[in-house]
N, C-alpha and C. Protein backbone atom coordinates (compact mmCIF):
# COMPACT_ATOMS: atom_id res chain seq x y z
N MET A 1 -8.52 6.87 4.19
CA MET A 1 -7.90 6.28 2.96
C MET A 1 -7.77 6.14 1.69
N LYS A 2 -7.55 6.47 0.40
CA LYS A 2 -7.86 6.31 -0.73
C LYS A 2 -7.42 4.81 -1.39
N LEU A 3 -8.24 4.85 -1.84
CA LEU A 3 -7.46 2.81 -2.87
C LEU A 3 -7.11 3.33 -4.34
N LEU A 4 -6.09 2.57 -4.88
CA LEU A 4 -5.28 2.74 -6.21
C LEU A 4 -5.36 1.59 -6.92
N LEU A 5 -6.65 1.20 -7.18
CA LEU A 5 -6.66 0.00 -8.09
C LEU A 5 -5.74 -0.14 -9.49
N ASP A 6 -5.00 -1.28 -9.78
CA ASP A 6 -4.26 -1.12 -10.30
C ASP A 6 -5.05 -1.86 -11.53
N GLU A 7 -4.04 -1.72 -12.90
CA GLU A 7 -5.28 -2.10 -14.19
C GLU A 7 -5.08 -3.25 -14.67
N ASN A 8 -5.44 -4.21 -13.57
CA ASN A 8 -6.08 -5.72 -13.57
C ASN A 8 -6.67 -6.28 -12.48
N ILE A 9 -7.76 -5.15 -12.26
CA ILE A 9 -8.18 -5.45 -11.21
C ILE A 9 -9.94 -5.07 -11.36
N TYR A 10 -10.47 -5.62 -12.05
CA TYR A 10 -11.70 -5.34 -12.66
C TYR A 10 -13.03 -5.86 -11.83
N GLY A 11 -14.28 -4.84 -12.25
CA GLY A 11 -15.29 -4.95 -10.88
C GLY A 11 -15.33 -4.61 -9.56
N LEU A 12 -14.34 -4.54 -9.09
CA LEU A 12 -14.68 -4.12 -7.43
C LEU A 12 -14.50 -2.81 -7.00
N GLU A 13 -14.55 -2.00 -8.08
CA GLU A 13 -14.83 -0.45 -7.73
C GLU A 13 -15.72 0.23 -7.11
N LYS A 14 -16.94 -0.98 -7.81
CA LYS A 14 -18.01 -0.64 -7.50
C LYS A 14 -18.53 -0.94 -5.89
N PHE A 15 -17.44 -1.82 -5.44
CA PHE A 15 -18.06 -2.80 -4.33
C PHE A 15 -17.15 -1.39 -3.09
N PHE A 16 -15.99 -1.53 -3.77
CA PHE A 16 -14.83 -0.44 -2.40
C PHE A 16 -15.62 0.77 -2.57
N LYS A 17 -16.50 1.19 -3.36
CA LYS A 17 -17.10 2.21 -3.27
C LYS A 17 -18.93 2.70 -2.50
N GLN A 18 -19.22 1.26 -2.88
CA GLN A 18 -19.94 1.20 -1.48
C GLN A 18 -20.00 0.84 -0.26
N LEU A 19 -18.85 0.07 0.41
CA LEU A 19 -18.04 0.06 1.52
C LEU A 19 -17.70 1.34 1.37
N ARG A 20 -18.18 2.46 1.13
CA ARG A 20 -17.57 3.77 1.18
C ARG A 20 -15.83 4.11 1.40
N TRP A 21 -15.39 3.18 0.08
CA TRP A 21 -14.17 3.94 0.32
C TRP A 21 -13.99 4.57 -0.75
N GLU A 22 -12.43 5.51 -1.13
CA GLU A 22 -12.48 6.55 -1.81
C GLU A 22 -11.58 5.63 -3.32
N VAL A 23 -11.91 5.24 -4.25
CA VAL A 23 -11.48 5.06 -5.66
C VAL A 23 -10.91 5.65 -6.11
N VAL A 24 -9.44 5.09 -6.64
CA VAL A 24 -8.84 5.94 -8.20
C VAL A 24 -7.98 4.80 -8.81
N LYS A 25 -8.58 4.69 -10.10
CA LYS A 25 -7.86 3.71 -10.95
C LYS A 25 -6.79 3.85 -11.57
N VAL A 26 -5.61 3.12 -11.79
CA VAL A 26 -4.64 3.33 -12.52
C VAL A 26 -5.28 4.14 -14.29
N GLU A 27 -6.22 3.57 -14.77
CA GLU A 27 -6.79 4.10 -16.01
C GLU A 27 -7.25 5.35 -16.17
N ASP A 28 -7.81 5.57 -15.21
CA ASP A 28 -8.39 6.92 -15.08
C ASP A 28 -6.88 8.19 -14.57
N ALA A 29 -6.04 7.30 -14.20
CA ALA A 29 -5.03 8.25 -13.48
C ALA A 29 -3.79 8.81 -14.51
N LEU A 30 -4.18 7.66 -15.49
CA LEU A 30 -3.59 7.59 -17.09
C LEU A 30 -3.97 8.44 -17.90
N LYS A 31 -5.09 8.38 -18.32
CA LYS A 31 -6.01 8.83 -18.69
C LYS A 31 -5.98 10.72 -18.84
N GLU A 32 -6.22 11.12 -17.19
CA GLU A 32 -6.35 12.40 -17.30
C GLU A 32 -5.11 12.79 -16.99
N GLY A 33 -3.85 12.38 -16.60
CA GLY A 33 -2.49 12.33 -17.03
C GLY A 33 -1.82 12.41 -15.74
N ARG A 34 -2.85 12.61 -14.62
CA ARG A 34 -1.61 12.70 -13.94
C ARG A 34 -0.81 11.31 -13.11
N LEU A 35 -0.98 10.47 -13.74
CA LEU A 35 0.14 9.40 -14.35
C LEU A 35 0.69 9.49 -15.24
N LYS A 36 1.78 9.24 -15.43
CA LYS A 36 2.77 9.36 -16.92
C LYS A 36 2.58 8.09 -17.69
N SER A 37 3.17 6.97 -16.57
CA SER A 37 3.20 5.44 -18.05
C SER A 37 2.65 4.92 -16.44
N ASN A 38 2.22 3.23 -17.29
CA ASN A 38 1.68 2.28 -16.39
C ASN A 38 3.03 1.69 -15.92
N ASP A 39 4.27 2.05 -15.92
CA ASP A 39 5.44 1.64 -15.25
C ASP A 39 4.74 0.41 -13.80
N ASP A 40 5.39 -0.30 -13.51
CA ASP A 40 5.59 -0.58 -11.85
C ASP A 40 5.75 0.32 -10.98
N GLY A 41 6.53 1.06 -11.34
CA GLY A 41 7.59 1.35 -10.48
C GLY A 41 6.71 2.76 -10.53
N GLU A 42 6.51 3.29 -11.12
CA GLU A 42 5.60 4.75 -10.73
C GLU A 42 4.77 4.51 -10.77
N ILE A 43 4.12 3.90 -10.92
CA ILE A 43 2.09 3.76 -10.26
C ILE A 43 2.91 3.39 -8.59
N ALA A 44 3.79 2.42 -7.97
CA ALA A 44 3.91 2.64 -6.91
C ALA A 44 4.21 4.00 -6.11
N GLN A 45 5.01 4.52 -6.74
CA GLN A 45 5.53 6.10 -6.34
C GLN A 45 3.90 6.80 -6.23
N TYR A 46 3.25 6.48 -7.44
CA TYR A 46 2.21 7.41 -7.38
C TYR A 46 1.36 7.20 -6.46
N ALA A 47 0.92 5.77 -5.71
CA ALA A 47 0.06 5.39 -4.77
C ALA A 47 0.92 6.29 -3.27
N LYS A 48 1.96 6.52 -3.00
CA LYS A 48 2.54 6.78 -2.44
C LYS A 48 2.72 8.01 -2.15
N ASP A 49 2.81 9.21 -3.28
CA ASP A 49 3.09 10.92 -3.20
C ASP A 49 1.40 10.63 -2.85
N ASN A 50 0.61 10.28 -3.14
CA ASN A 50 -1.34 10.99 -2.93
C ASN A 50 -1.95 9.47 -1.87
N GLY A 51 -1.13 8.98 -1.14
CA GLY A 51 -1.65 8.38 -0.08
C GLY A 51 -2.80 7.31 -0.03
N LEU A 52 -2.03 7.03 -0.98
CA LEU A 52 -2.97 5.51 -1.50
C LEU A 52 -3.07 4.04 -1.20
N ILE A 53 -3.51 3.51 -1.04
CA ILE A 53 -2.99 1.77 -0.72
C ILE A 53 -3.73 1.17 -2.09
N LEU A 54 -2.57 0.61 -2.54
CA LEU A 54 -2.61 0.14 -3.88
C LEU A 54 -3.04 -1.32 -3.66
N ILE A 55 -4.08 -2.02 -4.49
CA ILE A 55 -4.29 -2.95 -5.05
C ILE A 55 -4.36 -3.68 -5.89
N THR A 56 -3.52 -4.66 -6.20
CA THR A 56 -3.13 -5.33 -7.26
C THR A 56 -2.96 -7.19 -7.66
N LYS A 57 -2.89 -7.35 -8.56
CA LYS A 57 -3.37 -8.87 -8.71
C LYS A 57 -1.64 -9.24 -9.31
N ASP A 58 -0.92 -8.24 -9.87
CA ASP A 58 0.30 -8.43 -10.09
C ASP A 58 1.81 -8.84 -8.69
N GLY A 59 2.04 -9.81 -8.98
CA GLY A 59 4.03 -9.68 -8.00
C GLY A 59 4.25 -8.60 -8.33
N GLY A 60 4.56 -8.38 -9.28
CA GLY A 60 6.27 -7.77 -9.56
C GLY A 60 5.73 -6.23 -9.16
N GLN A 61 4.51 -5.70 -9.12
CA GLN A 61 3.40 -4.93 -9.03
C GLN A 61 4.09 -4.44 -7.20
N LYS A 62 3.68 -5.75 -6.57
CA LYS A 62 3.80 -5.77 -4.89
C LYS A 62 5.33 -5.51 -5.04
N ASN A 63 5.81 -6.47 -5.20
CA ASN A 63 7.65 -5.85 -5.14
C ASN A 63 8.17 -4.74 -5.33
N GLN A 64 7.57 -4.01 -5.89
CA GLN A 64 7.95 -2.77 -6.41
C GLN A 64 7.11 -1.61 -5.09
N ALA A 65 6.23 -1.85 -4.85
CA ALA A 65 5.64 -0.98 -3.60
C ALA A 65 6.39 -1.48 -2.26
N ASP A 66 6.77 -2.92 -2.46
CA ASP A 66 7.56 -3.42 -0.48
C ASP A 66 9.06 -2.42 -0.54
N PHE A 67 9.95 -2.21 -1.87
CA PHE A 67 10.31 -1.75 -2.29
C PHE A 67 10.85 -0.74 -1.99
N ILE A 68 9.92 0.46 -1.94
CA ILE A 68 9.48 1.73 -1.21
C ILE A 68 8.73 1.92 -0.07
N SER A 69 8.42 1.17 0.19
CA SER A 69 7.89 0.76 1.33
C SER A 69 5.88 1.58 1.35
N GLN A 70 5.69 0.80 0.09
CA GLN A 70 4.24 1.82 0.10
C GLN A 70 3.20 0.73 0.45
N PRO A 71 2.35 0.89 0.83
CA PRO A 71 1.20 -0.21 1.40
C PRO A 71 0.59 -0.15 -0.17
N CYS A 72 0.39 -1.77 -0.05
CA CYS A 72 0.08 -2.76 -1.45
C CYS A 72 -0.78 -3.52 -0.74
N ILE A 73 -1.76 -3.87 -1.78
CA ILE A 73 -2.32 -5.34 -1.67
C ILE A 73 -2.75 -6.39 -2.25
N LEU A 74 -2.08 -7.53 -2.32
CA LEU A 74 -1.79 -8.40 -3.81
C LEU A 74 -2.68 -9.25 -3.54
N ILE A 75 -3.81 -9.41 -4.32
CA ILE A 75 -5.20 -10.33 -4.91
C ILE A 75 -4.42 -11.28 -5.43
N ASP A 76 -4.15 -12.57 -4.71
CA ASP A 76 -3.76 -13.72 -5.49
C ASP A 76 -4.71 -15.25 -5.10
N ASP A 77 -4.26 -16.50 -5.76
CA ASP A 77 -5.44 -17.81 -5.48
C ASP A 77 -5.29 -17.64 -3.86
N VAL A 78 -4.10 -17.55 -3.19
CA VAL A 78 -4.05 -18.15 -1.84
C VAL A 78 -5.25 -16.51 -1.28
N MET A 79 -4.78 -15.34 -1.34
CA MET A 79 -6.04 -14.34 -0.49
C MET A 79 -7.51 -15.36 -0.93
N ILE A 80 -8.03 -15.33 -2.02
CA ILE A 80 -8.96 -15.75 -2.96
C ILE A 80 -9.57 -16.94 -1.73
N ALA A 81 -8.57 -18.19 -1.98
CA ALA A 81 -9.11 -19.37 -1.59
C ALA A 81 -9.33 -19.38 0.23
N LYS A 82 -9.01 -18.54 0.79
CA LYS A 82 -8.44 -18.15 1.95
C LYS A 82 -9.95 -17.29 2.79
N ALA A 83 -10.21 -16.29 1.67
CA ALA A 83 -11.56 -15.96 1.79
C ALA A 83 -12.72 -16.83 1.84
N VAL A 84 -12.53 -17.39 0.54
CA VAL A 84 -13.87 -18.66 0.39
C VAL A 84 -14.05 -19.77 1.40
N GLU A 85 -12.54 -20.52 1.83
CA GLU A 85 -12.81 -20.97 2.99
C GLU A 85 -13.49 -20.24 4.24
N SER A 86 -13.32 -19.51 4.57
CA SER A 86 -13.60 -18.19 5.03
C SER A 86 -14.92 -18.43 5.34
N VAL A 87 -15.68 -18.62 4.06
CA VAL A 87 -17.13 -18.12 4.01
C VAL A 87 -17.82 -19.68 4.30
N ILE A 88 -16.92 -20.73 3.34
CA ILE A 88 -17.60 -21.34 4.08
C ILE A 88 -17.86 -22.38 5.11
N ARG A 89 -16.87 -21.48 5.83
CA ARG A 89 -16.29 -22.11 7.38
C ARG A 89 -17.64 -21.89 7.93
N GLU A 90 -18.22 -19.90 7.67
CA GLU A 90 -18.95 -19.87 8.57
C GLU A 90 -20.30 -19.81 8.18
N LYS A 91 -20.38 -20.19 7.20
CA LYS A 91 -21.95 -20.37 6.65
C LYS A 91 -22.53 -21.48 6.42
N TYR A 92 -21.64 -22.44 6.11
CA TYR A 92 -21.81 -23.84 6.14
C TYR A 92 -21.57 -25.21 6.98
N LEU A 93 -20.28 -24.43 7.92
CA LEU A 93 -19.78 -25.42 8.93
C LEU A 93 -19.87 -25.45 10.05
N LYS A 94 -20.72 -24.58 10.52
CA LYS A 94 -21.73 -24.20 12.23
C LYS A 94 -21.87 -25.38 12.65
N HIS A 95 -21.65 -25.58 13.92
CA HIS A 95 -22.42 -26.23 14.41
C HIS A 95 -23.27 -26.12 15.42
């Protein structure tokens, strides 16, 4: 499966590629004319039409994706805090 990185996702493309994910960036799809605008609904539909999992930091974008049953991952402070806590517990709180 491929990932679609929203315009607000910076610096993660190289890591996903190292993990062997195919990555499409909204920015590139816009430049190449595959995506007509950066409207949340259009981005969600583009992801759905192309079999992409949408990755975003935009709650409104996540709502649009959910509305059309499009797989979407919202990266927010809660997700980051849980990931950091998991690493802390794994690395530093082992008994």
